[in-house]
Amino acid sequence: MKFATTNIAELNLLLQFDSSSLQTGIKVHQEAPSELVAAAQSLFDKGLTTLPDGGYLTDLGVEVLEHGQRLLAVLNTKPEHEPA
């Protein structure tokens, strides 16, 4: 199994939320690229955000954001033993 293009768009949008202030939401305008609008709708449909165009993270959204941040941190970590 691998990440689909739609999953990547959802993850990238999710990572735009400010985890240091859960009182800060986001708004995806209808003029935004179609994949961004679709990602916002999908996050809402999955119960991760409060509105179909962004809004605030739900409790589940906060949990998924934390996992996404950890995943990104691990993937961005330089390997200890790089090949010669």
PDB file of N, CA and C in Angstrom:
ATOM      1  N   MET A   1       0.847  -1.169   0.000  1.00  0.00           N
ATOM      2  CA  MET A   1       0.000   0.000   0.000  1.00  0.00           C
ATOM      3  C   MET A   1       0.897   1.238   0.000  1.00  0.00           C
ATOM      4  N   LYS A   2       0.450   2.283  -0.664  1.00  0.00           N
ATOM      5  CA  LYS A   2       1.217   3.515  -0.684  1.00  0.00           C
ATOM      6  C   LYS A   2       0.270   4.696  -0.578  1.00  0.00           C
ATOM      7  N   PHE A   3       0.833   5.866  -0.299  1.00  0.00           N
ATOM      8  CA  PHE A   3       0.029   7.072  -0.233  1.00  0.00           C
ATOM      9  C   PHE A   3      -0.443   7.450  -1.631  1.00  0.00           C
ATOM     10  N   ALA A   4      -1.727   7.719  -1.769  1.00  0.00           N
ATOM     11  CA  ALA A   4      -2.274   8.234  -3.024  1.00  0.00           C
ATOM     12  C   ALA A   4      -2.033   9.739  -3.069  1.00  0.00           C
ATOM     13  N   THR A   5      -2.121  10.299  -4.241  1.00  0.00           N
ATOM     14  CA  THR A   5      -1.951  11.747  -4.409  1.00  0.00           C
ATOM     15  C   THR A   5      -2.938  12.511  -3.525  1.00  0.00           C
ATOM     16  N   THR A   6      -4.149  11.998  -3.400  1.00  0.00           N
ATOM     17  CA  THR A   6      -5.152  12.657  -2.558  1.00  0.00           C
ATOM     18  C   THR A   6      -4.752  12.615  -1.089  1.00  0.00           C
ATOM     19  N   ASN A   7      -4.126  11.503  -0.662  1.00  0.00           N
ATOM     20  CA  ASN A   7      -3.651  11.408   0.724  1.00  0.00           C
ATOM     21  C   ASN A   7      -2.574  12.444   1.005  1.00  0.00           C
ATOM     22  N   ILE A   8      -1.675  12.643   0.050  1.00  0.00           N
ATOM     23  CA  ILE A   8      -0.606  13.619   0.214  1.00  0.00           C
ATOM     24  C   ILE A   8      -1.198  15.020   0.337  1.00  0.00           C
ATOM     25  N   ALA A   9      -2.194  15.334  -0.471  1.00  0.00           N
ATOM     26  CA  ALA A   9      -2.849  16.645  -0.391  1.00  0.00           C
ATOM     27  C   ALA A   9      -3.510  16.830   0.971  1.00  0.00           C
ATOM     28  N   GLU A  10      -4.145  15.779   1.473  1.00  0.00           N
ATOM     29  CA  GLU A  10      -4.780  15.848   2.795  1.00  0.00           C
ATOM     30  C   GLU A  10      -3.735  16.062   3.888  1.00  0.00           C
ATOM     31  N   LEU A  11      -2.651  15.306   3.823  1.00  0.00           N
ATOM     32  CA  LEU A  11      -1.583  15.446   4.820  1.00  0.00           C
ATOM     33  C   LEU A  11      -0.978  16.848   4.786  1.00  0.00           C
ATOM     34  N   ASN A  12      -0.706  17.344   3.587  1.00  0.00           N
ATOM     35  CA  ASN A  12      -0.121  18.679   3.469  1.00  0.00           C
ATOM     36  C   ASN A  12      -1.064  19.744   4.023  1.00  0.00           C
ATOM     37  N   LEU A  13      -2.358  19.607   3.754  1.00  0.00           N
ATOM     38  CA  LEU A  13      -3.320  20.571   4.296  1.00  0.00           C
ATOM     39  C   LEU A  13      -3.404  20.446   5.812  1.00  0.00           C
ATOM     40  N   LEU A  14      -3.456  19.238   6.304  1.00  0.00           N
ATOM     41  CA  LEU A  14      -3.522  19.003   7.747  1.00  0.00           C
ATOM     42  C   LEU A  14      -2.323  19.627   8.459  1.00  0.00           C
ATOM     43  N   LEU A  15      -1.152  19.506   7.851  1.00  0.00           N
ATOM     44  CA  LEU A  15       0.065  20.045   8.463  1.00  0.00           C
ATOM     45  C   LEU A  15       0.113  21.572   8.448  1.00  0.00           C
ATOM     46  N   GLN A  16      -0.817  22.208   7.770  1.00  0.00           N
ATOM     47  CA  GLN A  16      -0.884  23.668   7.784  1.00  0.00           C
ATOM     48  C   GLN A  16      -1.571  24.205   9.040  1.00  0.00           C
ATOM     49  N   PHE A  17      -2.266  23.341   9.766  1.00  0.00           N
ATOM     50  CA  PHE A  17      -2.898  23.771  11.010  1.00  0.00           C
ATOM     51  C   PHE A  17      -1.819  24.050  12.049  1.00  0.00           C
ATOM     52  N   ASP A  18      -2.045  25.056  12.867  1.00  0.00           N
ATOM     53  CA  ASP A  18      -1.101  25.455  13.911  1.00  0.00           C
ATOM     54  C   ASP A  18      -1.362  24.617  15.155  1.00  0.00           C
ATOM     55  N   SER A  19      -0.479  23.660  15.410  1.00  0.00           N
ATOM     56  CA  SER A  19      -0.678  22.776  16.559  1.00  0.00           C
ATOM     57  C   SER A  19      -0.397  23.467  17.891  1.00  0.00           C
ATOM     58  N   SER A  20       0.257  24.621  17.851  1.00  0.00           N
ATOM     59  CA  SER A  20       0.541  25.331  19.102  1.00  0.00           C
ATOM     60  C   SER A  20      -0.664  26.143  19.565  1.00  0.00           C
ATOM     61  N   SER A  21      -1.632  26.358  18.681  1.00  0.00           N
ATOM     62  CA  SER A  21      -2.836  27.109  19.040  1.00  0.00           C
ATOM     63  C   SER A  21      -4.030  26.479  18.341  1.00  0.00           C
ATOM     64  N   LEU A  22      -4.740  25.644  19.056  1.00  0.00           N
ATOM     65  CA  LEU A  22      -5.885  24.967  18.462  1.00  0.00           C
ATOM     66  C   LEU A  22      -7.066  25.907  18.267  1.00  0.00           C
ATOM     67  N   GLN A  23      -6.912  27.149  18.684  1.00  0.00           N
ATOM     68  CA  GLN A  23      -7.935  28.166  18.461  1.00  0.00           C
ATOM     69  C   GLN A  23      -7.777  28.824  17.096  1.00  0.00           C
ATOM     70  N   THR A  24      -6.757  28.389  16.342  1.00  0.00           N
ATOM     71  CA  THR A  24      -6.494  28.941  15.023  1.00  0.00           C
ATOM     72  C   THR A  24      -6.947  27.942  13.977  1.00  0.00           C
ATOM     73  N   GLY A  25      -7.853  28.374  13.113  1.00  0.00           N
ATOM     74  CA  GLY A  25      -8.332  27.509  12.047  1.00  0.00           C
ATOM     75  C   GLY A  25      -7.760  27.948  10.716  1.00  0.00           C
ATOM     76  N   ILE A  26      -8.232  27.296   9.656  1.00  0.00           N
ATOM     77  CA  ILE A  26      -7.830  27.685   8.309  1.00  0.00           C
ATOM     78  C   ILE A  26      -9.070  27.781   7.431  1.00  0.00           C
ATOM     79  N   LYS A  27      -8.934  28.481   6.335  1.00  0.00           N
ATOM     80  CA  LYS A  27     -10.019  28.639   5.363  1.00  0.00           C
ATOM     81  C   LYS A  27      -9.450  28.365   3.983  1.00  0.00           C
ATOM     82  N   VAL A  28     -10.041  27.396   3.282  1.00  0.00           N
ATOM     83  CA  VAL A  28      -9.654  27.094   1.913  1.00  0.00           C
ATOM     84  C   VAL A  28     -10.714  27.727   1.012  1.00  0.00           C
ATOM     85  N   HIS A  29     -10.311  28.694   0.234  1.00  0.00           N
ATOM     86  CA  HIS A  29     -11.242  29.394  -0.641  1.00  0.00           C
ATOM     87  C   HIS A  29     -11.570  28.544  -1.863  1.00  0.00           C
ATOM     88  N   GLN A  30     -12.750  28.716  -2.402  1.00  0.00           N
ATOM     89  CA  GLN A  30     -13.187  27.946  -3.567  1.00  0.00           C
ATOM     90  C   GLN A  30     -12.317  28.200  -4.799  1.00  0.00           C
ATOM     91  N   GLU A  31     -11.590  29.316  -4.801  1.00  0.00           N
ATOM     92  CA  GLU A  31     -10.698  29.636  -5.914  1.00  0.00           C
ATOM     93  C   GLU A  31      -9.341  28.924  -5.784  1.00  0.00           C
ATOM     94  N   ALA A  32      -9.126  28.252  -4.682  1.00  0.00           N
ATOM     95  CA  ALA A  32      -7.872  27.517  -4.458  1.00  0.00           C
ATOM     96  C   ALA A  32      -7.786  26.367  -5.462  1.00  0.00           C
ATOM     97  N   PRO A  33      -6.594  25.819  -5.647  1.00  0.00           N
ATOM     98  CA  PRO A  33      -6.465  24.663  -6.545  1.00  0.00           C
ATOM     99  C   PRO A  33      -7.448  23.553  -6.161  1.00  0.00           C
ATOM    100  N   SER A  34      -7.975  22.877  -7.161  1.00  0.00           N
ATOM    101  CA  SER A  34      -9.032  21.881  -6.933  1.00  0.00           C
ATOM    102  C   SER A  34      -8.606  20.777  -5.962  1.00  0.00           C
ATOM    103  N   GLU A  35      -7.317  20.390  -5.996  1.00  0.00           N
ATOM    104  CA  GLU A  35      -6.881  19.331  -5.078  1.00  0.00           C
ATOM    105  C   GLU A  35      -6.893  19.800  -3.629  1.00  0.00           C
ATOM    106  N   LEU A  36      -6.693  21.095  -3.409  1.00  0.00           N
ATOM    107  CA  LEU A  36      -6.743  21.659  -2.068  1.00  0.00           C
ATOM    108  C   LEU A  36      -8.186  21.733  -1.561  1.00  0.00           C
ATOM    109  N   VAL A  37      -9.084  22.142  -2.431  1.00  0.00           N
ATOM    110  CA  VAL A  37     -10.512  22.192  -2.082  1.00  0.00           C
ATOM    111  C   VAL A  37     -11.006  20.777  -1.776  1.00  0.00           C
ATOM    112  N   ALA A  38     -10.614  19.820  -2.598  1.00  0.00           N
ATOM    113  CA  ALA A  38     -11.021  18.432  -2.382  1.00  0.00           C
ATOM    114  C   ALA A  38     -10.441  17.881  -1.078  1.00  0.00           C
ATOM    115  N   ALA A  39      -9.205  18.235  -0.772  1.00  0.00           N
ATOM    116  CA  ALA A  39      -8.572  17.774   0.467  1.00  0.00           C
ATOM    117  C   ALA A  39      -9.313  18.328   1.684  1.00  0.00           C
ATOM    118  N   ALA A  40      -9.698  19.596   1.618  1.00  0.00           N
ATOM    119  CA  ALA A  40     -10.435  20.197   2.727  1.00  0.00           C
ATOM    120  C   ALA A  40     -11.767  19.483   2.936  1.00  0.00           C
ATOM    121  N   GLN A  41     -12.464  19.214   1.853  1.00  0.00           N
ATOM    122  CA  GLN A  41     -13.743  18.505   1.940  1.00  0.00           C
ATOM    123  C   GLN A  41     -13.542  17.106   2.513  1.00  0.00           C
ATOM    124  N   SER A  42     -12.497  16.430   2.077  1.00  0.00           N
ATOM    125  CA  SER A  42     -12.225  15.070   2.531  1.00  0.00           C
ATOM    126  C   SER A  42     -11.902  15.026   4.021  1.00  0.00           C
ATOM    127  N   LEU A  43     -11.099  15.982   4.490  1.00  0.00           N
ATOM    128  CA  LEU A  43     -10.791  16.037   5.929  1.00  0.00           C
ATOM    129  C   LEU A  43     -12.069  16.245   6.741  1.00  0.00           C
ATOM    130  N   PHE A  44     -12.965  17.073   6.231  1.00  0.00           N
ATOM    131  CA  PHE A  44     -14.254  17.289   6.900  1.00  0.00           C
ATOM    132  C   PHE A  44     -15.077  16.002   6.887  1.00  0.00           C
ATOM    133  N   ASP A  45     -15.150  15.348   5.726  1.00  0.00           N
ATOM    134  CA  ASP A  45     -15.935  14.120   5.603  1.00  0.00           C
ATOM    135  C   ASP A  45     -15.431  13.023   6.540  1.00  0.00           C
ATOM    136  N   LYS A  46     -14.140  13.036   6.835  1.00  0.00           N
ATOM    137  CA  LYS A  46     -13.535  12.040   7.717  1.00  0.00           C
ATOM    138  C   LYS A  46     -13.610  12.437   9.185  1.00  0.00           C
ATOM    139  N   GLY A  47     -14.199  13.606   9.463  1.00  0.00           N
ATOM    140  CA  GLY A  47     -14.372  14.039  10.842  1.00  0.00           C
ATOM    141  C   GLY A  47     -13.136  14.670  11.463  1.00  0.00           C
ATOM    142  N   LEU A  48     -12.201  15.143  10.623  1.00  0.00           N
ATOM    143  CA  LEU A  48     -10.970  15.729  11.147  1.00  0.00           C
ATOM    144  C   LEU A  48     -11.061  17.241  11.312  1.00  0.00           C
ATOM    145  N   THR A  49     -11.971  17.877  10.573  1.00  0.00           N
ATOM    146  CA  THR A  49     -12.162  19.327  10.670  1.00  0.00           C
ATOM    147  C   THR A  49     -13.634  19.637  10.876  1.00  0.00           C
ATOM    148  N   THR A  50     -13.890  20.867  11.283  1.00  0.00           N
ATOM    149  CA  THR A  50     -15.258  21.254  11.611  1.00  0.00           C
ATOM    150  C   THR A  50     -16.059  21.787  10.434  1.00  0.00           C
ATOM    151  N   LEU A  51     -15.392  22.175   9.351  1.00  0.00           N
ATOM    152  CA  LEU A  51     -16.080  22.733   8.190  1.00  0.00           C
ATOM    153  C   LEU A  51     -15.527  22.142   6.894  1.00  0.00           C
ATOM    154  N   PRO A  52     -16.344  22.071   5.851  1.00  0.00           N
ATOM    155  CA  PRO A  52     -15.869  21.508   4.589  1.00  0.00           C
ATOM    156  C   PRO A  52     -14.794  22.346   3.895  1.00  0.00           C
ATOM    157  N   ASP A  53     -14.619  23.585   4.323  1.00  0.00           N
ATOM    158  CA  ASP A  53     -13.568  24.433   3.735  1.00  0.00           C
ATOM    159  C   ASP A  53     -12.468  24.744   4.745  1.00  0.00           C
ATOM    160  N   GLY A  54     -12.331  23.884   5.737  1.00  0.00           N
ATOM    161  CA  GLY A  54     -11.281  24.057   6.739  1.00  0.00           C
ATOM    162  C   GLY A  54     -11.848  24.112   8.142  1.00  0.00           C
ATOM    163  N   GLY A  55     -11.937  25.309   8.669  1.00  0.00           N
ATOM    164  CA  GLY A  55     -12.438  25.460  10.032  1.00  0.00           C
ATOM    165  C   GLY A  55     -11.365  25.123  11.041  1.00  0.00           C
ATOM    166  N   TYR A  56     -11.772  24.398  12.065  1.00  0.00           N
ATOM    167  CA  TYR A  56     -10.872  24.006  13.148  1.00  0.00           C
ATOM    168  C   TYR A  56     -10.725  22.494  13.154  1.00  0.00           C
ATOM    169  N   LEU A  57      -9.680  22.028  13.798  1.00  0.00           N
ATOM    170  CA  LEU A  57      -9.501  20.586  13.950  1.00  0.00           C
ATOM    171  C   LEU A  57     -10.444  20.045  15.019  1.00  0.00           C
ATOM    172  N   THR A  58     -10.975  18.872  14.773  1.00  0.00           N
ATOM    173  CA  THR A  58     -11.726  18.158  15.801  1.00  0.00           C
ATOM    174  C   THR A  58     -10.713  17.453  16.709  1.00  0.00           C
ATOM    175  N   ASP A  59     -11.183  16.796  17.741  1.00  0.00           N
ATOM    176  CA  ASP A  59     -10.272  16.042  18.610  1.00  0.00           C
ATOM    177  C   ASP A  59      -9.522  14.987  17.798  1.00  0.00           C
ATOM    178  N   LEU A  60     -10.240  14.308  16.903  1.00  0.00           N
ATOM    179  CA  LEU A  60      -9.586  13.315  16.050  1.00  0.00           C
ATOM    180  C   LEU A  60      -8.582  13.993  15.120  1.00  0.00           C
ATOM    181  N   GLY A  61      -8.929  15.165  14.612  1.00  0.00           N
ATOM    182  CA  GLY A  61      -8.026  15.913  13.750  1.00  0.00           C
ATOM    183  C   GLY A  61      -6.735  16.286  14.457  1.00  0.00           C
ATOM    184  N   VAL A  62      -6.832  16.674  15.713  1.00  0.00           N
ATOM    185  CA  VAL A  62      -5.640  17.011  16.508  1.00  0.00           C
ATOM    186  C   VAL A  62      -4.752  15.778  16.649  1.00  0.00           C
ATOM    187  N   GLU A  63      -5.365  14.646  16.929  1.00  0.00           N
ATOM    188  CA  GLU A  63      -4.602  13.406  17.080  1.00  0.00           C
ATOM    189  C   GLU A  63      -3.902  13.019  15.770  1.00  0.00           C
ATOM    190  N   VAL A  64      -4.618  13.130  14.657  1.00  0.00           N
ATOM    191  CA  VAL A  64      -4.033  12.785  13.361  1.00  0.00           C
ATOM    192  C   VAL A  64      -2.934  13.778  12.989  1.00  0.00           C
ATOM    193  N   LEU A  65      -3.126  15.059  13.302  1.00  0.00           N
ATOM    194  CA  LEU A  65      -2.089  16.062  13.052  1.00  0.00           C
ATOM    195  C   LEU A  65      -0.814  15.704  13.809  1.00  0.00           C
ATOM    196  N   GLU A  66      -0.942  15.301  15.066  1.00  0.00           N
ATOM    197  CA  GLU A  66       0.227  14.918  15.851  1.00  0.00           C
ATOM    198  C   GLU A  66       0.966  13.747  15.204  1.00  0.00           C
ATOM    199  N   HIS A  67       0.209  12.759  14.728  1.00  0.00           N
ATOM    200  CA  HIS A  67       0.832  11.616  14.055  1.00  0.00           C
ATOM    201  C   HIS A  67       1.511  12.066  12.757  1.00  0.00           C
ATOM    202  N   GLY A  68       0.859  12.946  12.027  1.00  0.00           N
ATOM    203  CA  GLY A  68       1.439  13.458  10.788  1.00  0.00           C
ATOM    204  C   GLY A  68       2.727  14.218  11.023  1.00  0.00           C
ATOM    205  N   GLN A  69       2.749  15.009  12.085  1.00  0.00           N
ATOM    206  CA  GLN A  69       3.965  15.757  12.418  1.00  0.00           C
ATOM    207  C   GLN A  69       5.102  14.806  12.784  1.00  0.00           C
ATOM    208  N   ARG A  70       4.783  13.747  13.524  1.00  0.00           N
ATOM    209  CA  ARG A  70       5.805  12.760  13.882  1.00  0.00           C
ATOM    210  C   ARG A  70       6.323  12.041  12.644  1.00  0.00           C
ATOM    211  N   LEU A  71       5.412  11.657  11.770  1.00  0.00           N
ATOM    212  CA  LEU A  71       5.800  10.984  10.538  1.00  0.00           C
ATOM    213  C   LEU A  71       6.717  11.873   9.703  1.00  0.00           C
ATOM    214  N   LEU A  72       6.345  13.127   9.551  1.00  0.00           N
ATOM    215  CA  LEU A  72       7.161  14.057   8.775  1.00  0.00           C
ATOM    216  C   LEU A  72       8.536  14.248   9.417  1.00  0.00           C
ATOM    217  N   ALA A  73       8.580  14.347  10.744  1.00  0.00           N
ATOM    218  CA  ALA A  73       9.858  14.516  11.439  1.00  0.00           C
ATOM    219  C   ALA A  73      10.771  13.314  11.207  1.00  0.00           C
ATOM    220  N   VAL A  74      10.210  12.114  11.276  1.00  0.00           N
ATOM    221  CA  VAL A  74      11.013  10.911  11.056  1.00  0.00           C
ATOM    222  C   VAL A  74      11.508  10.858   9.614  1.00  0.00           C
ATOM    223  N   LEU A  75      10.634  11.148   8.668  1.00  0.00           N
ATOM    224  CA  LEU A  75      11.026  11.083   7.264  1.00  0.00           C
ATOM    225  C   LEU A  75      12.044  12.158   6.900  1.00  0.00           C
ATOM    226  N   ASN A  76      12.051  13.262   7.628  1.00  0.00           N
ATOM    227  CA  ASN A  76      13.000  14.341   7.363  1.00  0.00           C
ATOM    228  C   ASN A  76      14.301  14.200   8.147  1.00  0.00           C
ATOM    229  N   THR A  77      14.407  13.154   8.968  1.00  0.00           N
ATOM    230  CA  THR A  77      15.612  12.917   9.753  1.00  0.00           C
ATOM    231  C   THR A  77      16.694  12.342   8.862  1.00  0.00           C
ATOM    232  N   LYS A  78      17.880  12.891   8.993  1.00  0.00           N
ATOM    233  CA  LYS A  78      19.027  12.403   8.218  1.00  0.00           C
ATOM    234  C   LYS A  78      19.445  11.053   8.794  1.00  0.00           C
ATOM    235  N   PRO A  79      19.646  10.062   7.941  1.00  0.00           N
ATOM    236  CA  PRO A  79      20.063   8.738   8.435  1.00  0.00           C
ATOM    237  C   PRO A  79      21.406   8.822   9.179  1.00  0.00           C
ATOM    238  N   GLU A  80      21.529   8.033  10.217  1.00  0.00           N
ATOM    239  CA  GLU A  80      22.773   8.004  10.997  1.00  0.00           C
ATOM    240  C   GLU A  80      23.899   7.392  10.185  1.00  0.00           C
ATOM    241  N   HIS A  81      23.586   6.384   9.423  1.00  0.00           N
ATOM    242  CA  HIS A  81      24.606   5.667   8.653  1.00  0.00           C
ATOM    243  C   HIS A  81      24.315   5.846   7.174  1.00  0.00           C
ATOM    244  N   GLU A  82      24.809   6.919   6.622  1.00  0.00           N
ATOM    245  CA  GLU A  82      24.622   7.143   5.201  1.00  0.00           C
ATOM    246  C   GLU A  82      25.584   6.255   4.416  1.00  0.00           C
ATOM    247  N   PRO A  83      25.123   5.740   3.283  1.00  0.00           N
ATOM    248  CA  PRO A  83      26.019   4.913   2.465  1.00  0.00           C
ATOM    249  C   PRO A  83      27.221   5.720   1.990  1.00  0.00           C
ATOM    250  N   ALA A  84      28.370   5.059   1.906  1.00  0.00           N
ATOM    251  CA  ALA A  84      29.598   5.725   1.479  1.00  0.00           C
ATOM    252  C   ALA A  84      29.611   6.008  -0.006  1.00  0.00           C
TER     253      ALA A  84
END
